Amino acid sequence: MVAQQSANWSQTEAFSRMESILQKKPNIVGVISGNDTMALGTEAALKAAGKTNVIVVGFDGSGYTRDSIINKGNIKATVLQPGWAQAQMAVKQADYYLKNGKVQKGEKQLMECVLIDESNASQLKTATTASAASAPAAFLACLTPSG
């Protein structure tokens, strides 16, 4: 790893941080962002610097990163978390705690996620209606079966 910086989940900060990193390390080959918003800021900075061959990976499964993947931008992948499964786990664990007065599982728990890349990005559907925009983000994106 040649650099690690916080961009505080901000697209604007990610843009600035990427500009600074590129000044010191112009030959980077990839960037992993903690969320898609920062991936978009990173991609914009790379585009402004003419760096079209640097691979960017985000985390959220947003429609914006899906579009970048489909349009062959710098963002090559994003990770979609199963928010619906996380919500179910949280409710079950809260119920257990309320009934038993103790936690059932440790604080850190692993869940399988879905890698979104060029092989399946076109299947990622995100809500665009006003009513869907007010729904919890965990329920705004899902993969649809192909065919």
Protein backbone atom coordinates (compact mmCIF):
# COMPACT_ATOMS: atom_id res chain seq x y z
CA MET A 1 0.00 0.00 0.00
CA VAL A 2 1.43 3.35 -0.98
CA ALA A 3 -1.05 5.62 0.83
CA GLN A 4 -4.02 5.56 3.18
CA GLN A 5 -6.07 8.65 3.98
CA SER A 6 -9.49 9.41 5.38
CA ALA A 7 -11.96 11.32 3.25
CA ASN A 8 -14.74 11.22 5.87
CA TRP A 9 -17.26 9.59 3.50
CA SER A 10 -17.16 12.76 1.38
CA GLN A 11 -16.89 12.93 -2.41
CA THR A 12 -15.26 16.36 -2.23
CA GLU A 13 -12.68 15.24 0.34
CA ALA A 14 -11.95 12.10 -1.66
CA PHE A 15 -11.28 14.25 -4.72
CA SER A 16 -8.81 16.41 -2.76
CA ARG A 17 -7.11 13.44 -1.10
CA MET A 18 -6.70 11.69 -4.45
CA GLU A 19 -5.18 14.81 -5.98
CA SER A 20 -2.65 14.93 -3.13
CA ILE A 21 -1.85 11.24 -3.42
CA LEU A 22 -1.33 11.55 -7.18
CA GLN A 23 1.18 14.37 -6.66
CA LYS A 24 3.29 12.11 -4.43
CA LYS A 25 2.57 8.74 -6.06
CA PRO A 26 1.59 9.32 -9.71
CA ASN A 27 2.00 5.67 -10.69
CA ILE A 28 -0.66 4.09 -8.47
CA VAL A 29 -2.63 1.24 -10.04
CA GLY A 30 -5.66 0.93 -7.76
CA VAL A 31 -7.77 2.53 -5.05
CA ILE A 32 -10.20 0.92 -2.60
CA SER A 33 -12.77 3.32 -1.16
CA GLY A 34 -14.81 2.74 1.98
CA ASN A 35 -17.99 3.84 0.21
CA ASP A 36 -19.19 4.66 -3.29
CA THR A 37 -19.33 8.40 -2.61
CA MET A 38 -15.59 8.47 -2.00
CA ALA A 39 -15.05 6.22 -5.03
CA LEU A 40 -16.83 8.82 -7.17
CA GLY A 41 -14.61 11.61 -5.82
CA THR A 42 -11.56 9.46 -6.46
CA GLU A 43 -12.70 8.73 -9.99
CA ALA A 44 -13.26 12.43 -10.69
CA ALA A 45 -9.73 13.29 -9.50
CA LEU A 46 -8.26 10.51 -11.62
CA LYS A 47 -10.20 11.71 -14.66
CA ALA A 48 -9.02 15.30 -14.08
CA ALA A 49 -5.44 13.99 -13.97
CA GLY A 50 -5.89 11.95 -17.15
CA LYS A 51 -5.45 8.67 -15.25
CA THR A 52 -7.82 6.31 -17.05
CA ASN A 53 -5.98 3.09 -16.19
CA VAL A 54 -6.26 3.24 -12.36
CA ILE A 55 -8.78 0.75 -10.96
CA VAL A 56 -11.22 2.04 -8.32
CA VAL A 57 -13.44 -0.15 -6.14
CA GLY A 58 -16.26 1.26 -4.03
CA PHE A 59 -18.56 -0.13 -1.37
CA ASP A 60 -22.35 0.38 -1.35
CA GLY A 61 -23.70 -0.82 -4.68
CA SER A 62 -24.99 2.62 -5.67
CA GLY A 63 -26.49 3.44 -9.03
CA TYR A 64 -23.76 5.98 -9.72
CA THR A 65 -21.00 3.43 -9.38
CA ARG A 66 -23.04 0.91 -11.37
CA ASP A 67 -23.19 3.48 -14.17
CA SER A 68 -19.45 4.06 -14.02
CA ILE A 69 -18.84 0.32 -14.26
CA ILE A 70 -21.19 -0.01 -17.24
CA ASN A 71 -19.68 3.06 -18.95
CA LYS A 72 -16.14 1.69 -18.51
CA GLY A 73 -15.01 4.43 -16.10
CA ASN A 74 -12.26 4.00 -13.50
CA ILE A 75 -14.68 2.34 -11.08
CA LYS A 76 -14.51 -1.37 -11.88
CA ALA A 77 -16.46 -2.77 -8.94
CA THR A 78 -18.55 -2.02 -5.90
CA VAL A 79 -19.77 -4.21 -3.07
CA LEU A 80 -23.46 -4.52 -2.29
CA GLN A 81 -24.26 -5.28 1.34
CA PRO A 82 -27.39 -7.32 2.08
CA GLY A 83 -29.14 -4.62 4.11
CA TRP A 84 -32.33 -6.66 4.35
CA ALA A 85 -30.39 -9.51 6.01
CA GLN A 86 -28.61 -7.07 8.33
CA ALA A 87 -31.96 -5.66 9.44
CA GLN A 88 -33.33 -9.16 10.09
CA MET A 89 -30.25 -10.08 12.14
CA ALA A 90 -30.52 -6.88 14.15
CA VAL A 91 -34.18 -7.48 15.01
CA LYS A 92 -33.54 -11.10 16.02
CA GLN A 93 -30.58 -10.13 18.19
CA ALA A 94 -32.46 -7.23 19.80
CA ASP A 95 -35.35 -9.58 20.55
CA TYR A 96 -32.96 -12.09 22.12
CA TYR A 97 -31.35 -9.36 24.24
CA LEU A 98 -34.70 -8.03 25.44
CA LYS A 99 -35.87 -11.53 26.38
CA ASN A 100 -32.62 -12.77 27.96
CA GLY A 101 -30.79 -9.66 29.15
CA LYS A 102 -27.58 -10.61 27.36
CA VAL A 103 -26.16 -10.55 23.87
CA GLN A 104 -26.31 -13.66 21.77
CA LYS A 105 -23.42 -12.90 19.39
CA GLY A 106 -20.27 -10.81 19.38
CA GLU A 107 -20.12 -7.22 18.26
CA LYS A 108 -18.42 -8.03 14.94
CA GLN A 109 -20.26 -10.41 12.63
CA LEU A 110 -19.47 -11.34 9.04
CA MET A 111 -22.02 -11.33 6.25
CA GLU A 112 -21.64 -12.32 2.66
CA CYS A 113 -21.85 -9.42 0.24
CA VAL A 114 -22.33 -9.27 -3.53
CA LEU A 115 -19.52 -8.07 -5.77
CA ILE A 116 -20.88 -5.86 -8.54
CA ASP A 117 -18.59 -5.69 -11.58
CA GLU A 118 -18.92 -5.62 -15.34
CA SER A 119 -20.37 -9.15 -15.34
CA ASN A 120 -23.49 -8.18 -13.38
CA ALA A 121 -23.64 -4.36 -13.10
CA SER A 122 -26.45 -4.12 -15.64
CA GLN A 123 -28.60 -6.27 -13.33
CA LEU A 124 -28.27 -3.85 -10.39
CA LYS A 125 -31.50 -1.91 -10.10
CA THR A 126 -31.76 1.17 -7.88
CA ALA A 127 -34.85 3.16 -6.96
CA THR A 128 -35.32 6.51 -8.65
CA THR A 129 -38.86 7.50 -7.68
CA ALA A 130 -39.63 10.06 -4.99
CA SER A 131 -41.42 7.50 -2.83
CA ALA A 132 -38.48 5.11 -3.01
CA ALA A 133 -36.07 7.90 -2.14
CA SER A 134 -37.69 8.20 1.28
CA ALA A 135 -37.31 4.46 1.96
CA PRO A 136 -34.34 3.15 3.98
CA ALA A 137 -31.23 2.92 1.80
CA ALA A 138 -30.86 -0.78 2.58
CA PHE A 139 -33.94 -1.50 0.49
CA LEU A 140 -33.14 0.63 -2.55
CA ALA A 141 -30.91 -1.78 -4.46
CA CYS A 142 -31.07 -5.41 -5.41
CA LEU A 143 -29.87 -7.77 -8.10
CA THR A 144 -32.43 -9.16 -10.46
CA PRO A 145 -32.08 -12.56 -12.08
CA SER A 146 -30.76 -12.47 -15.61
CA GLY A 147 -32.98 -13.50 -18.47
